[in-house]
Amino acid sequence: MEDKVKPKVSQRSENRRAAMQFLYAWEYNKPEVLQEGIHSFFEKEPRGRDYFKFAEFLIHGVIKHVEEIDEEIKSLAKNWTFDRIARVDLAILRIAIFELRHCEDIPPVVSINEAVELGKQYSKDDSKRFINGILDRLKGELNRPAREAKNKAPSTNDDVLDGLVD
């Protein structure tokens, strides 16, 4: 019997997974001091905190913009009430919508594909269609090419991150 070789997961994919896990937990138990909660969460990760700089950027960005992101989800989720959305799916959607709206160095199809993959790995079977449907509707509203980055500057630069940390 042959061993199946798992495809190598990119650092950004691992960062999205970590951000999704943190935001899922954050939905149920918000730390009094966000930075302390983030620090505590990443202490448990086998890689150093520097490895998860993009995850921290996503976490801060989502939390800073959570109200506008949630309103967008409500408007895009046809025939679904917000309360019916699985919390894992909600964390995934929040990350992807933050990326689509605020990370122009990431092509929209990349954010959507990464979100669908997270849904396949961590949520219910039908979640990938739900996530893809919502994000595909949003992609149609963006004023940029779906397969190209609009801005080549990386989303994790310190100026952007500093602007998100309160």
Protein backbone atom coordinates (compact mmCIF):
# COMPACT_ATOMS: atom_id res chain seq x y z
CA MET A 1 0.00 0.00 0.00
CA GLU A 2 1.38 3.36 -1.02
CA ASP A 3 1.53 6.25 1.39
CA LYS A 4 -0.31 9.27 0.11
CA VAL A 5 1.89 12.32 0.01
CA LYS A 6 0.14 15.36 1.35
CA PRO A 7 0.61 18.43 -0.79
CA LYS A 8 2.76 21.09 0.81
CA VAL A 9 0.65 23.80 2.39
CA SER A 10 1.83 27.36 1.84
CA GLN A 11 2.72 29.66 4.71
CA ARG A 12 -0.18 31.96 3.83
CA SER A 13 -2.60 28.99 3.86
CA GLU A 14 -1.33 28.00 7.31
CA ASN A 15 -1.75 31.62 8.40
CA ARG A 16 -5.34 31.67 7.15
CA ARG A 17 -6.03 28.45 9.06
CA ALA A 18 -4.59 29.93 12.25
CA ALA A 19 -6.56 33.17 11.79
CA MET A 20 -9.75 31.15 11.22
CA GLN A 21 -9.16 29.15 14.39
CA PHE A 22 -8.49 32.27 16.44
CA LEU A 23 -11.54 34.09 15.06
CA TYR A 24 -13.74 31.05 15.67
CA ALA A 25 -12.65 31.02 19.33
CA TRP A 26 -12.90 34.83 19.52
CA GLU A 27 -16.56 34.61 18.49
CA TYR A 28 -17.29 32.65 21.70
CA ASN A 29 -14.75 34.07 24.11
CA LYS A 30 -13.36 37.53 23.37
CA PRO A 31 -10.18 38.24 25.33
CA GLU A 32 -10.20 41.38 27.46
CA VAL A 33 -6.94 42.46 25.83
CA LEU A 34 -6.77 41.35 22.20
CA GLN A 35 -2.96 41.36 21.95
CA GLU A 36 -2.70 39.12 25.01
CA GLY A 37 -5.24 36.72 23.51
CA ILE A 38 -3.34 36.61 20.23
CA HIS A 39 -0.02 36.11 22.03
CA SER A 40 -1.48 33.27 24.09
CA PHE A 41 -2.97 31.63 21.00
CA PHE A 42 0.27 31.70 19.03
CA GLU A 43 2.33 30.40 21.98
CA LYS A 44 0.64 27.04 21.31
CA GLU A 45 1.68 26.98 17.65
CA PRO A 46 4.80 24.94 16.88
CA ARG A 47 6.28 27.66 14.69
CA GLY A 48 7.37 31.02 16.00
CA ARG A 49 5.10 34.02 16.10
CA ASP A 50 6.94 35.70 13.21
CA TYR A 51 5.76 32.87 10.97
CA PHE A 52 2.17 33.92 11.70
CA LYS A 53 2.51 37.63 10.96
CA PHE A 54 -0.04 37.38 8.13
CA ALA A 55 -2.50 35.60 10.46
CA GLU A 56 -2.13 38.37 13.02
CA PHE A 57 -2.71 40.94 10.28
CA LEU A 58 -5.90 39.11 9.24
CA ILE A 59 -7.13 38.82 12.83
CA HIS A 60 -6.64 42.54 13.52
CA GLY A 61 -8.16 43.50 10.18
CA VAL A 62 -11.24 41.33 10.62
CA ILE A 63 -11.85 42.51 14.18
CA LYS A 64 -11.39 46.16 13.22
CA HIS A 65 -13.87 45.81 10.34
CA VAL A 66 -16.15 43.09 11.78
CA GLU A 67 -19.32 45.22 11.77
CA GLU A 68 -19.03 46.22 8.10
CA ILE A 69 -17.97 42.67 7.15
CA ASP A 70 -20.96 41.17 8.98
CA GLU A 71 -23.33 43.62 7.26
CA GLU A 72 -21.87 42.56 3.94
CA ILE A 73 -22.38 38.88 4.81
CA LYS A 74 -26.00 39.60 5.76
CA SER A 75 -26.63 41.34 2.45
CA LEU A 76 -24.95 38.60 0.38
CA ALA A 77 -26.41 35.57 2.20
CA LYS A 78 -29.61 35.10 0.23
CA ASN A 79 -32.28 33.10 2.07
CA TRP A 80 -30.08 32.73 5.15
CA THR A 81 -30.35 34.51 8.46
CA PHE A 82 -27.07 35.53 10.00
CA ASP A 83 -27.69 33.35 13.06
CA ARG A 84 -27.99 30.23 10.87
CA ILE A 85 -24.46 30.59 9.51
CA ALA A 86 -22.11 28.05 11.08
CA ARG A 87 -19.52 29.85 13.21
CA VAL A 88 -16.65 28.15 11.34
CA ASP A 89 -18.12 29.40 8.05
CA LEU A 90 -18.52 32.85 9.57
CA ALA A 91 -14.85 32.98 10.56
CA ILE A 92 -13.84 31.85 7.06
CA LEU A 93 -16.13 34.38 5.37
CA ARG A 94 -14.90 37.21 7.57
CA ILE A 95 -11.28 36.53 6.60
CA ALA A 96 -12.06 36.23 2.89
CA ILE A 97 -14.20 39.37 2.82
CA PHE A 98 -11.52 41.31 4.67
CA GLU A 99 -8.99 40.13 2.07
CA LEU A 100 -11.29 40.97 -0.84
CA ARG A 101 -12.03 44.46 0.49
CA HIS A 102 -8.70 45.44 2.04
CA CYS A 103 -5.86 43.34 0.54
CA GLU A 104 -5.46 44.40 -3.05
CA ASP A 105 -2.15 42.55 -3.34
CA ILE A 106 -4.10 39.27 -3.24
CA PRO A 107 -6.05 38.32 -6.38
CA PRO A 108 -9.74 37.79 -5.49
CA VAL A 109 -9.78 34.21 -6.82
CA VAL A 110 -6.96 33.33 -4.41
CA SER A 111 -8.93 34.58 -1.39
CA ILE A 112 -12.04 32.74 -2.59
CA ASN A 113 -10.20 29.46 -3.30
CA GLU A 114 -8.45 29.59 0.08
CA ALA A 115 -11.79 30.17 1.84
CA VAL A 116 -13.44 27.27 0.01
CA GLU A 117 -10.51 25.00 0.96
CA LEU A 118 -10.83 25.98 4.62
CA GLY A 119 -14.55 25.21 4.39
CA LYS A 120 -13.81 21.76 2.94
CA GLN A 121 -11.32 20.99 5.71
CA TYR A 122 -13.07 22.43 8.76
CA SER A 123 -16.81 22.68 8.11
CA LYS A 124 -19.77 20.70 6.79
CA ASP A 125 -19.92 19.18 3.31
CA ASP A 126 -22.27 21.81 1.88
CA SER A 127 -20.31 24.69 3.37
CA LYS A 128 -17.98 25.01 0.38
CA ARG A 129 -20.92 25.84 -1.90
CA PHE A 130 -22.31 28.35 0.61
CA ILE A 131 -18.92 30.07 1.05
CA ASN A 132 -18.23 30.08 -2.69
CA GLY A 133 -21.68 31.50 -3.47
CA ILE A 134 -21.35 34.42 -1.08
CA LEU A 135 -17.80 35.26 -2.13
CA ASP A 136 -18.59 34.90 -5.83
CA ARG A 137 -21.40 37.47 -5.43
CA LEU A 138 -18.97 39.84 -3.73
CA LYS A 139 -16.32 39.25 -6.41
CA GLY A 140 -18.81 40.55 -8.97
CA GLU A 141 -19.01 43.85 -7.06
CA LEU A 142 -15.25 44.44 -6.94
CA ASN A 143 -13.76 46.98 -9.31
CA ARG A 144 -10.67 44.93 -10.09
CA PRO A 145 -9.63 41.88 -12.08
CA ALA A 146 -10.44 38.57 -10.40
CA ARG A 147 -7.15 36.89 -11.26
CA GLU A 148 -4.69 39.72 -10.72
CA ALA A 149 -3.41 41.65 -7.76
CA LYS A 150 -4.26 45.34 -8.06
CA ASN A 151 -1.50 46.44 -5.72
CA LYS A 152 1.79 44.54 -5.54
CA ALA A 153 2.76 45.75 -2.07
CA PRO A 154 2.33 42.92 0.46
CA SER A 155 -0.56 43.13 2.92
CA THR A 156 1.59 42.39 5.93
CA ASN A 157 3.82 45.44 5.89
CA ASP A 158 4.32 47.02 9.30
CA ASP A 159 2.60 50.30 8.39
CA VAL A 160 -0.63 48.50 7.55
CA LEU A 161 -0.44 46.26 10.63
CA ASP A 162 0.34 49.20 12.91
CA GLY A 163 -2.73 50.95 11.58
CA LEU A 164 -4.86 47.97 12.62
CA VAL A 165 -3.50 47.43 16.12
CA ASP A 166 -5.24 49.62 18.66
